[in-house]
């Protein structure tokens, strides 16, 4: 729609970073799925006005404010979950395709 176009589709940054080669229309179509996945797993889906985001970006670039990568309480929670998953993967006999790809790249 015109709002998406006028904002350069910047309102779909989350989707863009998940799937960088999708079309703009696909970002719009995937947004409800991404939002529901975030809600299901307790991950905040933050969507702000493009002008507010631009101001925040300029403030970070000029040193007026700093950027937090991830809220501390979420970071701890997800680091713990990642550690559990990694331990489970080591005990798993099945090799995931993503692990095969990573092994091939490392070799």
C-alpha atoms as a PDB file:
ATOM      1  CA  UNK A   1       0.000   0.000   0.000  1.00  0.00           C
ATOM      2  CA  UNK A   2       0.997   3.652  -0.212  1.00  0.00           C
ATOM      3  CA  UNK A   3       2.049   3.821   3.459  1.00  0.00           C
ATOM      4  CA  UNK A   4       4.492   0.916   2.994  1.00  0.00           C
ATOM      5  CA  UNK A   5       5.861   2.454  -0.202  1.00  0.00           C
ATOM      6  CA  UNK A   6       6.289   5.933   1.293  1.00  0.00           C
ATOM      7  CA  UNK A   7       8.206   4.464   4.222  1.00  0.00           C
ATOM      8  CA  UNK A   8      10.411   2.420   1.908  1.00  0.00           C
ATOM      9  CA  UNK A   9       9.026  -0.789   3.459  1.00  0.00           C
ATOM     10  CA  UNK A  10      11.069  -0.009   6.571  1.00  0.00           C
ATOM     11  CA  UNK A  11       8.119  -1.221   8.638  1.00  0.00           C
ATOM     12  CA  UNK A  12       9.155  -4.789   7.718  1.00  0.00           C
ATOM     13  CA  UNK A  13      12.755  -4.710   8.993  1.00  0.00           C
ATOM     14  CA  UNK A  14      12.286  -7.807  11.161  1.00  0.00           C
ATOM     15  CA  UNK A  15      11.022  -9.820   8.208  1.00  0.00           C
ATOM     16  CA  UNK A  16      13.773  -8.415   5.976  1.00  0.00           C
ATOM     17  CA  UNK A  17      16.470  -9.561   8.391  1.00  0.00           C
ATOM     18  CA  UNK A  18      14.921 -13.018   8.582  1.00  0.00           C
ATOM     19  CA  UNK A  19      14.574 -13.391   4.793  1.00  0.00           C
ATOM     20  CA  UNK A  20      16.679 -10.712   3.043  1.00  0.00           C
ATOM     21  CA  UNK A  21      15.861 -11.842  -0.501  1.00  0.00           C
ATOM     22  CA  UNK A  22      12.063 -11.855  -0.271  1.00  0.00           C
ATOM     23  CA  UNK A  23      10.025  -9.328  -2.222  1.00  0.00           C
ATOM     24  CA  UNK A  24       8.464  -6.356  -0.441  1.00  0.00           C
ATOM     25  CA  UNK A  25       5.016  -7.895  -0.837  1.00  0.00           C
ATOM     26  CA  UNK A  26       6.254 -11.128   0.744  1.00  0.00           C
ATOM     27  CA  UNK A  27       7.457  -9.176   3.793  1.00  0.00           C
ATOM     28  CA  UNK A  28       3.946  -7.817   4.247  1.00  0.00           C
ATOM     29  CA  UNK A  29       2.449 -11.296   3.862  1.00  0.00           C
ATOM     30  CA  UNK A  30       4.913 -12.859   6.306  1.00  0.00           C
ATOM     31  CA  UNK A  31       4.440 -10.256   9.042  1.00  0.00           C
ATOM     32  CA  UNK A  32       1.429 -11.940  10.734  1.00  0.00           C
ATOM     33  CA  UNK A  33       3.350 -15.239  10.877  1.00  0.00           C
ATOM     34  CA  UNK A  34       6.417 -13.579  12.390  1.00  0.00           C
ATOM     35  CA  UNK A  35       4.311 -11.713  14.941  1.00  0.00           C
ATOM     36  CA  UNK A  36       2.543 -14.921  15.999  1.00  0.00           C
ATOM     37  CA  UNK A  37       5.831 -16.819  16.296  1.00  0.00           C
ATOM     38  CA  UNK A  38       7.271 -14.055  18.462  1.00  0.00           C
ATOM     39  CA  UNK A  39       4.179 -14.078  20.662  1.00  0.00           C
ATOM     40  CA  UNK A  40       4.256 -17.882  20.937  1.00  0.00           C
ATOM     41  CA  UNK A  41       7.880 -17.852  22.124  1.00  0.00           C
ATOM     42  CA  UNK A  42       7.679 -14.732  24.285  1.00  0.00           C
ATOM     43  CA  UNK A  43       9.935 -12.649  22.039  1.00  0.00           C
ATOM     44  CA  UNK A  44       9.025  -8.971  21.820  1.00  0.00           C
ATOM     45  CA  UNK A  45       7.986  -7.855  18.322  1.00  0.00           C
ATOM     46  CA  UNK A  46       8.711  -4.144  18.357  1.00  0.00           C
ATOM     47  CA  UNK A  47       7.249  -2.075  15.566  1.00  0.00           C
ATOM     48  CA  UNK A  48       7.624   1.678  15.781  1.00  0.00           C
ATOM     49  CA  UNK A  49       6.842   4.667  13.613  1.00  0.00           C
ATOM     50  CA  UNK A  50       9.477   5.119  10.888  1.00  0.00           C
ATOM     51  CA  UNK A  51      10.130   8.722  11.957  1.00  0.00           C
ATOM     52  CA  UNK A  52      10.724   7.667  15.571  1.00  0.00           C
ATOM     53  CA  UNK A  53      13.098   4.910  14.372  1.00  0.00           C
ATOM     54  CA  UNK A  54      14.957   7.430  12.197  1.00  0.00           C
ATOM     55  CA  UNK A  55      15.385   9.762  15.163  1.00  0.00           C
ATOM     56  CA  UNK A  56      16.609   6.881  17.348  1.00  0.00           C
ATOM     57  CA  UNK A  57      19.071   5.848  14.636  1.00  0.00           C
ATOM     58  CA  UNK A  58      20.432   9.391  14.328  1.00  0.00           C
ATOM     59  CA  UNK A  59      20.722   9.635  18.126  1.00  0.00           C
ATOM     60  CA  UNK A  60      22.753   6.409  18.173  1.00  0.00           C
ATOM     61  CA  UNK A  61      24.943   7.544  15.267  1.00  0.00           C
ATOM     62  CA  UNK A  62      25.687  10.915  16.902  1.00  0.00           C
ATOM     63  CA  UNK A  63      26.311   9.439  20.345  1.00  0.00           C
ATOM     64  CA  UNK A  64      23.283  11.085  21.957  1.00  0.00           C
ATOM     65  CA  UNK A  65      22.060   7.656  23.042  1.00  0.00           C
ATOM     66  CA  UNK A  66      23.254   4.071  22.896  1.00  0.00           C
ATOM     67  CA  UNK A  67      21.710   0.894  21.582  1.00  0.00           C
ATOM     68  CA  UNK A  68      20.923  -2.186  23.640  1.00  0.00           C
ATOM     69  CA  UNK A  69      21.142  -5.341  21.600  1.00  0.00           C
ATOM     70  CA  UNK A  70      18.661  -7.330  23.642  1.00  0.00           C
ATOM     71  CA  UNK A  71      16.904  -6.711  26.977  1.00  0.00           C
ATOM     72  CA  UNK A  72      19.057  -8.240  29.721  1.00  0.00           C
ATOM     73  CA  UNK A  73      16.308 -10.471  31.124  1.00  0.00           C
ATOM     74  CA  UNK A  74      15.534 -11.863  27.661  1.00  0.00           C
ATOM     75  CA  UNK A  75      19.202 -12.314  26.866  1.00  0.00           C
ATOM     76  CA  UNK A  76      19.799 -14.447  29.947  1.00  0.00           C
ATOM     77  CA  UNK A  77      16.685 -16.528  29.270  1.00  0.00           C
ATOM     78  CA  UNK A  78      17.623 -17.202  25.633  1.00  0.00           C
ATOM     79  CA  UNK A  79      21.276 -17.897  26.374  1.00  0.00           C
ATOM     80  CA  UNK A  80      20.129 -20.552  28.840  1.00  0.00           C
ATOM     81  CA  UNK A  81      17.717 -22.009  26.267  1.00  0.00           C
ATOM     82  CA  UNK A  82      20.496 -22.082  23.663  1.00  0.00           C
ATOM     83  CA  UNK A  83      22.798 -23.936  26.075  1.00  0.00           C
ATOM     84  CA  UNK A  84      20.102 -26.556  26.696  1.00  0.00           C
ATOM     85  CA  UNK A  85      19.506 -26.992  22.950  1.00  0.00           C
ATOM     86  CA  UNK A  86      23.214 -27.346  22.257  1.00  0.00           C
ATOM     87  CA  UNK A  87      23.480 -30.040  24.948  1.00  0.00           C
ATOM     88  CA  UNK A  88      20.484 -31.844  23.449  1.00  0.00           C
ATOM     89  CA  UNK A  89      22.050 -31.682  19.981  1.00  0.00           C
ATOM     90  CA  UNK A  90      25.226 -33.327  21.266  1.00  0.00           C
ATOM     91  CA  UNK A  91      23.166 -36.227  22.613  1.00  0.00           C
ATOM     92  CA  UNK A  92      21.086 -36.565  19.449  1.00  0.00           C
ATOM     93  CA  UNK A  93      21.976 -39.296  16.975  1.00  0.00           C
ATOM     94  CA  UNK A  94      20.200 -37.569  14.079  1.00  0.00           C
ATOM     95  CA  UNK A  95      22.225 -34.902  12.331  1.00  0.00           C
ATOM     96  CA  UNK A  96      20.238 -31.846  11.308  1.00  0.00           C
ATOM     97  CA  UNK A  97      20.625 -30.479   7.798  1.00  0.00           C
ATOM     98  CA  UNK A  98      21.663 -27.104   9.214  1.00  0.00           C
ATOM     99  CA  UNK A  99      24.442 -28.825  11.180  1.00  0.00           C
ATOM    100  CA  UNK A 100      25.605 -30.662   8.058  1.00  0.00           C
ATOM    101  CA  UNK A 101      25.776 -27.335   6.205  1.00  0.00           C
ATOM    102  CA  UNK A 102      27.778 -25.694   9.019  1.00  0.00           C
ATOM    103  CA  UNK A 103      30.180 -28.648   9.134  1.00  0.00           C
ATOM    104  CA  UNK A 104      30.683 -28.462   5.347  1.00  0.00           C
ATOM    105  CA  UNK A 105      31.429 -24.736   5.549  1.00  0.00           C
ATOM    106  CA  UNK A 106      33.947 -25.228   8.352  1.00  0.00           C
ATOM    107  CA  UNK A 107      35.850 -27.947   6.470  1.00  0.00           C
END
